[in-house]
Protein backbone atom coordinates (compact mmCIF):
# COMPACT_ATOMS: atom_id res chain seq x y z
CA MET A 1 92.08 56.26 -189.61
CA LEU A 2 90.59 56.75 -193.08
CA ARG A 3 89.65 53.07 -193.26
CA PHE A 4 87.21 53.70 -190.41
CA ILE A 5 85.61 56.88 -191.79
CA ALA A 6 83.85 55.31 -194.79
CA PRO A 7 82.24 52.41 -192.86
CA MET A 8 81.14 54.80 -190.10
CA THR A 9 79.56 57.08 -192.73
CA ILE A 10 77.71 54.12 -194.24
CA VAL A 11 76.37 52.94 -190.90
CA LEU A 12 75.31 56.42 -189.85
CA SER A 13 73.57 57.14 -193.16
CA ALA A 14 71.76 53.81 -193.15
CA THR A 15 70.67 54.34 -189.55
CA LEU A 16 69.24 57.76 -190.30
CA LEU A 17 67.51 56.85 -193.56
CA ALA A 18 66.12 53.41 -192.68
CA PRO A 19 63.17 54.67 -190.55
CA LEU A 20 61.83 56.61 -193.55
CA ALA A 21 61.70 53.48 -195.69
CA GLN A 22 60.26 51.40 -192.86
CA ALA A 23 57.39 53.84 -192.42
CA ASP A 24 56.17 53.00 -195.93
CA CYS A 25 56.37 49.30 -195.14
CA ALA A 26 54.32 49.81 -191.97
CA ASP A 27 51.66 51.72 -193.89
CA GLU A 28 51.49 48.97 -196.50
CA GLN A 29 51.10 46.34 -193.77
CA THR A 30 48.31 48.30 -192.08
CA TRP A 31 46.48 48.65 -195.39
CA CYS A 32 46.95 44.95 -196.15
CA GLU A 33 45.59 43.90 -192.74
CA THR A 34 42.60 46.23 -193.13
CA LYS A 35 41.78 44.63 -196.48
CA CYS A 36 42.04 41.19 -194.84
CA GLU A 37 39.58 42.18 -192.12
CA VAL A 38 37.08 43.46 -194.66
CA LYS A 39 37.49 40.57 -197.10
CA HIS A 40 37.21 37.87 -194.41
CA MET A 41 34.82 39.63 -192.06
CA THR A 42 32.99 36.47 -191.01
CA ASP A 43 35.91 34.01 -191.07
CA ASP A 44 38.51 34.60 -188.36
CA ALA A 45 40.80 31.80 -189.55
CA ALA A 46 40.90 33.17 -193.09
CA ALA A 47 41.54 36.68 -191.76
CA THR A 48 44.43 35.37 -189.66
CA GLY A 49 45.93 33.57 -192.65
CA CYS A 50 45.58 36.68 -194.77
CA LYS A 51 47.24 38.81 -192.07
CA SER A 52 50.12 36.33 -191.93
CA LYS A 53 50.72 37.03 -195.59
CA CYS A 54 50.77 40.76 -194.76
CA VAL A 55 53.46 40.17 -192.12
CA ALA A 56 55.60 38.24 -194.63
CA GLU A 57 55.21 41.03 -197.18
CA ARG A 58 56.24 43.55 -194.51
CA ALA A 59 59.39 41.58 -193.77
CA ALA A 60 60.28 41.47 -197.47
CA CYS A 61 59.57 45.19 -197.83
CA SER A 62 61.72 46.11 -194.83
CA THR A 63 64.58 43.93 -196.05
CA LYS A 64 64.45 45.47 -199.53
CA ALA A 65 64.23 49.01 -198.14
CA GLY A 66 67.20 48.39 -195.84
CA ALA A 67 69.30 46.99 -198.67
CA GLU A 68 68.50 49.95 -200.92
CA THR A 69 69.33 52.41 -198.15
CA ALA A 70 72.63 50.69 -197.45
CA TRP A 71 73.52 50.70 -201.17
CA ASP A 72 72.75 54.41 -201.47
CA ALA A 73 74.84 55.15 -198.38
CA THR A 74 77.72 53.08 -199.80
CA LYS A 75 77.68 55.02 -203.07
CA LYS A 76 77.66 58.34 -201.18
CA ALA A 77 80.53 57.26 -198.92
CA ALA A 78 82.58 56.15 -201.93
CA GLN A 79 82.01 59.49 -203.64
CA ASP A 80 82.93 61.39 -200.47
CA THR A 81 86.11 59.34 -200.08
CA LYS A 82 87.05 59.99 -203.70
CA SER A 83 86.45 63.72 -203.22
CA PHE A 84 88.55 63.70 -200.05
CA PHE A 85 91.54 62.17 -201.83
CA LYS A 86 91.10 64.53 -204.79
CA GLY A 87 91.30 67.48 -202.41
CA LEU A 88 94.23 65.92 -200.57
CA THR A 89 96.30 65.39 -203.71
CA GLU A 90 95.62 68.68 -205.51
């Protein structure tokens, strides 16, 4: 039973915290695309290429944010598990 508690805690924490990190990535993408539109106002092809770069940066940002969130959740779950066993054995 205890083997299932820690992974469930990790998944739940990552699920709850991930949208916060993704919101920053979305804002960065919107800002990047706006800069592309201004910089390449008269060249649609250049604007499209620039926006493609923004999409790639968004994907990298979201991946990094998700990994950081999962790592933080893992550390918290490990600490909680350690505390549980400390209380159990005292």
